[in-house]
Amino acid sequence: MPLDVTLDPAEVGLLVIDLQNGFCHPEGSRGRAFGADSVAKPREMVPHALSLVERCRAAGIPVWFTRQVHFPGDRGRARRRIPSHLDRRGVKLDLCHQGTWDAELLDEVKEHVRSEDEVIVKHRASGFYNTRLESVLRMSGVQVLVVAGTTTSFCVDSTIRDAYARDFDVVVPAECVADTDDAAHAAVLASTDRFHGVVTTADELIAALRPGTGR
């Protein structure tokens, strides 16, 4: 769907989801478990997401990052009777454990994190679940949430749906999100464009910005 509205940068925020070693680096947990090809799409997306970060900064748009952190002794997960996605496909995937290199942001992402940026630590897929994200967005006057990052069909999708349920407007530049599964990626983009927001490009997003057009 074309982004056929004007957006006031004062009402826009950018959320960059989980650009971490465990999800995006060949030597991270996912890359070691399933091979370097399993992180190829996320790695291709990272430069696009980082370019979007800098373009949004230039337009005066604040930026937030999320970082997924798992606890090895998570008793909540241990109660599950149906194996989670981390324990399927015959491989136990120990992703992004607290205090590990795996859970850290990629080095190239860290270079784009400024002192005024907040990195939201989350323990489940959605950036909103049991975090302060909604509060800081509201306090910053954000109404339009631009979403970038990985993984499209899980953490990105969960965050988009939670943002929509909280009455944020959602914009997703398609080249700035990625998944390990092309079909799942495409399905989420189609669902988002149908129900939860607008799927566009970074260029269209920047072109839609008009200072002072907010209500």
Protein backbone atom coordinates (compact mmCIF):
# COMPACT_ATOMS: atom_id res chain seq x y z
CA MET A 1 0.00 0.00 0.00
CA PRO A 2 1.45 3.42 -0.91
CA LEU A 3 2.14 5.77 1.97
CA ASP A 4 -0.31 8.42 0.75
CA VAL A 5 -0.40 10.52 3.93
CA THR A 6 1.84 13.23 5.30
CA LEU A 7 3.58 12.59 8.61
CA ASP A 8 4.86 15.11 11.11
CA PRO A 9 8.32 13.97 12.30
CA ALA A 10 7.35 15.22 15.77
CA GLU A 11 4.83 12.37 15.96
CA VAL A 12 7.04 9.64 14.50
CA GLY A 13 9.38 7.21 16.26
CA LEU A 14 11.61 4.45 14.92
CA LEU A 15 11.90 1.07 16.66
CA VAL A 16 14.74 -1.25 15.58
CA ILE A 17 14.14 -4.80 16.77
CA ASP A 18 16.75 -7.33 17.88
CA LEU A 19 19.74 -6.71 15.60
CA GLN A 20 21.82 -8.98 17.81
CA ASN A 21 24.66 -11.44 17.34
CA GLY A 22 22.45 -14.42 18.14
CA PHE A 23 20.01 -13.59 15.35
CA CYS A 24 22.20 -11.95 12.73
CA HIS A 25 25.86 -12.99 13.08
CA PRO A 26 27.20 -16.16 11.40
CA GLU A 27 28.97 -17.07 14.66
CA GLY A 28 25.87 -16.44 16.75
CA SER A 29 23.61 -19.20 18.03
CA ARG A 30 21.34 -19.30 15.00
CA GLY A 31 24.22 -19.24 12.54
CA ARG A 32 26.07 -22.02 14.36
CA ALA A 33 22.95 -24.16 14.71
CA PHE A 34 21.62 -23.86 11.16
CA GLY A 35 24.54 -22.55 9.11
CA ALA A 36 25.59 -19.15 7.81
CA ASP A 37 22.79 -19.19 5.21
CA SER A 38 20.26 -19.01 8.04
CA VAL A 39 21.35 -15.47 8.88
CA ALA A 40 21.98 -14.30 5.32
CA LYS A 41 18.70 -12.39 4.94
CA PRO A 42 18.97 -10.62 8.30
CA ARG A 43 22.56 -9.62 7.51
CA GLU A 44 21.49 -8.22 4.14
CA MET A 45 18.82 -6.18 5.88
CA VAL A 46 21.07 -4.63 8.57
CA PRO A 47 22.64 -1.90 6.37
CA HIS A 48 19.16 -0.84 5.22
CA ALA A 49 17.95 -0.61 8.82
CA LEU A 50 21.01 1.39 9.86
CA SER A 51 20.59 3.73 6.90
CA LEU A 52 17.00 4.26 8.04
CA VAL A 53 18.26 5.08 11.55
CA GLU A 54 20.44 7.88 10.24
CA ARG A 55 17.80 9.21 7.86
CA CYS A 56 15.28 9.34 10.69
CA ARG A 57 17.77 11.10 12.96
CA ALA A 58 18.35 13.71 10.25
CA ALA A 59 14.60 14.30 10.18
CA GLY A 60 14.47 14.73 13.96
CA ILE A 61 12.82 11.36 14.61
CA PRO A 62 13.80 9.60 17.86
CA VAL A 63 15.12 6.05 17.72
CA TRP A 64 14.68 3.09 20.06
CA PHE A 65 16.30 -0.32 19.87
CA THR A 66 15.24 -3.62 21.43
CA ARG A 67 17.39 -6.45 22.65
CA GLN A 68 16.05 -9.94 23.34
CA VAL A 69 17.50 -11.56 26.45
CA HIS A 70 16.76 -15.13 27.53
CA PHE A 71 17.43 -16.60 30.97
CA PRO A 72 18.87 -20.15 30.87
CA GLY A 73 16.82 -21.05 33.95
CA ASP A 74 13.56 -19.45 32.78
CA ARG A 75 10.93 -21.28 34.82
CA GLY A 76 8.12 -19.78 32.81
CA ARG A 77 9.36 -21.44 29.65
CA ALA A 78 10.12 -24.63 31.55
CA ARG A 79 6.41 -25.03 32.36
CA ARG A 80 5.48 -25.41 28.70
CA ARG A 81 4.19 -28.83 27.67
CA ILE A 82 4.48 -28.17 23.94
CA PRO A 83 8.08 -27.47 22.84
CA SER A 84 8.69 -23.83 22.02
CA HIS A 85 10.20 -22.65 18.75
CA LEU A 86 13.59 -22.69 20.48
CA ASP A 87 13.40 -26.47 20.96
CA ARG A 88 11.97 -27.63 17.66
CA ARG A 89 13.49 -28.95 14.42
CA GLY A 90 15.68 -31.34 16.39
CA VAL A 91 18.01 -28.61 17.59
CA LYS A 92 17.96 -27.01 21.03
CA LEU A 93 18.59 -23.35 20.26
CA ASP A 94 20.14 -21.49 23.19
CA LEU A 95 19.72 -17.97 21.85
CA CYS A 96 20.76 -14.69 23.42
CA HIS A 97 21.35 -15.80 26.99
CA GLN A 98 21.77 -13.05 29.56
CA GLY A 99 25.32 -11.75 29.82
CA THR A 100 26.59 -13.40 26.64
CA TRP A 101 28.05 -12.00 23.42
CA ASP A 102 25.11 -13.68 21.67
CA ALA A 103 22.68 -11.29 23.36
CA GLU A 104 24.63 -8.14 22.46
CA LEU A 105 23.77 -5.86 19.57
CA LEU A 106 25.88 -6.32 16.46
CA ASP A 107 29.04 -4.21 16.54
CA GLU A 108 27.90 -2.20 13.52
CA VAL A 109 24.60 -1.50 15.26
CA LYS A 110 26.32 -0.38 18.48
CA GLU A 111 28.12 2.26 16.42
CA HIS A 112 24.73 3.82 15.61
CA VAL A 113 23.39 3.83 19.18
CA ARG A 114 23.70 7.28 20.76
CA SER A 115 23.78 8.12 24.44
CA GLU A 116 20.26 9.52 24.28
CA ASP A 117 18.86 6.35 22.70
CA GLU A 118 17.15 3.77 24.86
CA VAL A 119 17.75 0.07 24.31
CA ILE A 120 14.65 -1.75 25.54
CA VAL A 121 15.48 -5.16 27.00
CA LYS A 122 12.69 -7.67 26.46
CA HIS A 123 12.25 -11.30 27.41
CA ARG A 124 9.50 -12.27 25.01
CA ALA A 125 8.80 -11.61 21.34
CA SER A 126 6.92 -8.32 21.52
CA GLY A 127 8.75 -5.13 22.31
CA PHE A 128 5.72 -4.09 24.36
CA TYR A 129 5.30 -7.15 26.56
CA ASN A 130 6.30 -6.32 30.16
CA THR A 131 8.59 -3.47 29.03
CA ARG A 132 8.50 0.33 29.34
CA LEU A 133 8.28 0.83 25.58
CA GLU A 134 4.70 2.09 25.48
CA SER A 135 5.37 4.58 28.27
CA VAL A 136 8.45 6.08 26.64
CA LEU A 137 6.72 6.32 23.26
CA ARG A 138 3.76 8.13 24.82
CA MET A 139 6.02 10.46 26.78
CA SER A 140 7.90 11.27 23.57
CA GLY A 141 4.71 12.13 21.70
CA VAL A 142 4.98 9.22 19.27
CA GLN A 143 1.83 8.31 17.35
CA VAL A 144 3.37 6.78 14.24
CA LEU A 145 5.72 3.88 14.96
CA VAL A 146 8.14 2.86 12.22
CA VAL A 147 9.28 -0.72 12.73
CA ALA A 148 12.52 -2.28 11.47
CA GLY A 149 14.57 -5.34 12.42
CA THR A 150 14.26 -9.09 12.76
CA THR A 151 12.57 -11.57 12.80
CA THR A 152 9.62 -10.53 10.62
CA SER A 153 7.37 -13.49 11.44
CA PHE A 154 7.95 -13.46 15.19
CA CYS A 155 9.39 -10.52 17.11
CA VAL A 156 8.57 -7.95 14.44
CA ASP A 157 5.06 -9.31 13.88
CA SER A 158 4.33 -9.56 17.61
CA THR A 159 5.46 -5.98 18.13
CA ILE A 160 3.43 -4.68 15.19
CA ARG A 161 0.27 -6.34 16.47
CA ASP A 162 0.78 -5.01 19.98
CA ALA A 163 1.44 -1.51 18.62
CA TYR A 164 -1.78 -1.65 16.60
CA ALA A 165 -3.74 -2.88 19.63
CA ARG A 166 -2.47 0.20 21.50
CA ASP A 167 -3.69 2.52 18.72
CA PHE A 168 -0.30 3.43 17.32
CA ASP A 169 -0.10 3.90 13.56
CA VAL A 170 2.42 1.42 12.17
CA VAL A 171 4.72 1.88 9.17
CA VAL A 172 7.04 -0.89 7.99
CA PRO A 173 9.73 -0.18 5.36
CA ALA A 174 9.89 -3.60 3.72
CA GLU A 175 13.64 -3.59 3.03
CA CYS A 176 14.30 -2.87 6.71
CA VAL A 177 12.83 -6.09 8.12
CA ALA A 178 14.00 -9.66 7.51
CA ASP A 179 13.28 -13.29 8.26
CA THR A 180 14.95 -16.66 7.78
CA ASP A 181 11.83 -17.87 5.92
CA ASP A 182 10.76 -16.02 2.76
CA ALA A 183 7.18 -17.28 2.85
CA ALA A 184 6.70 -16.32 6.49
CA HIS A 185 8.24 -12.91 5.82
CA ALA A 186 5.89 -12.27 2.89
CA ALA A 187 2.84 -13.44 4.85
CA VAL A 188 3.50 -10.99 7.68
CA LEU A 189 4.04 -8.09 5.31
CA ALA A 190 0.76 -8.93 3.56
CA SER A 191 -1.09 -9.24 6.88
CA THR A 192 0.39 -6.00 8.17
CA ASP A 193 -0.59 -4.12 5.03
CA ARG A 194 -4.09 -5.57 5.23
CA PHE A 195 -4.82 -5.04 8.91
CA HIS A 196 -2.19 -3.41 11.08
CA GLY A 197 -0.37 -0.68 9.20
CA VAL A 198 1.30 0.32 5.97
CA VAL A 199 4.16 -1.56 4.30
CA THR A 200 6.26 0.87 2.30
CA THR A 201 9.90 1.74 1.60
CA ALA A 202 12.37 3.93 3.45
CA ASP A 203 12.34 6.38 0.54
CA GLU A 204 8.53 6.68 0.64
CA LEU A 205 8.61 7.15 4.41
CA ILE A 206 11.12 9.99 4.26
CA ALA A 207 9.24 11.60 1.36
CA ALA A 208 6.03 11.59 3.44
CA LEU A 209 7.56 13.64 6.27
CA ARG A 210 6.23 17.19 6.57
CA PRO A 211 7.11 19.12 9.75
CA GLY A 212 4.19 20.83 11.40
CA THR A 213 1.44 18.73 9.79
CA GLY A 214 0.48 16.93 12.99
CA ARG A 215 -2.83 17.59 14.71
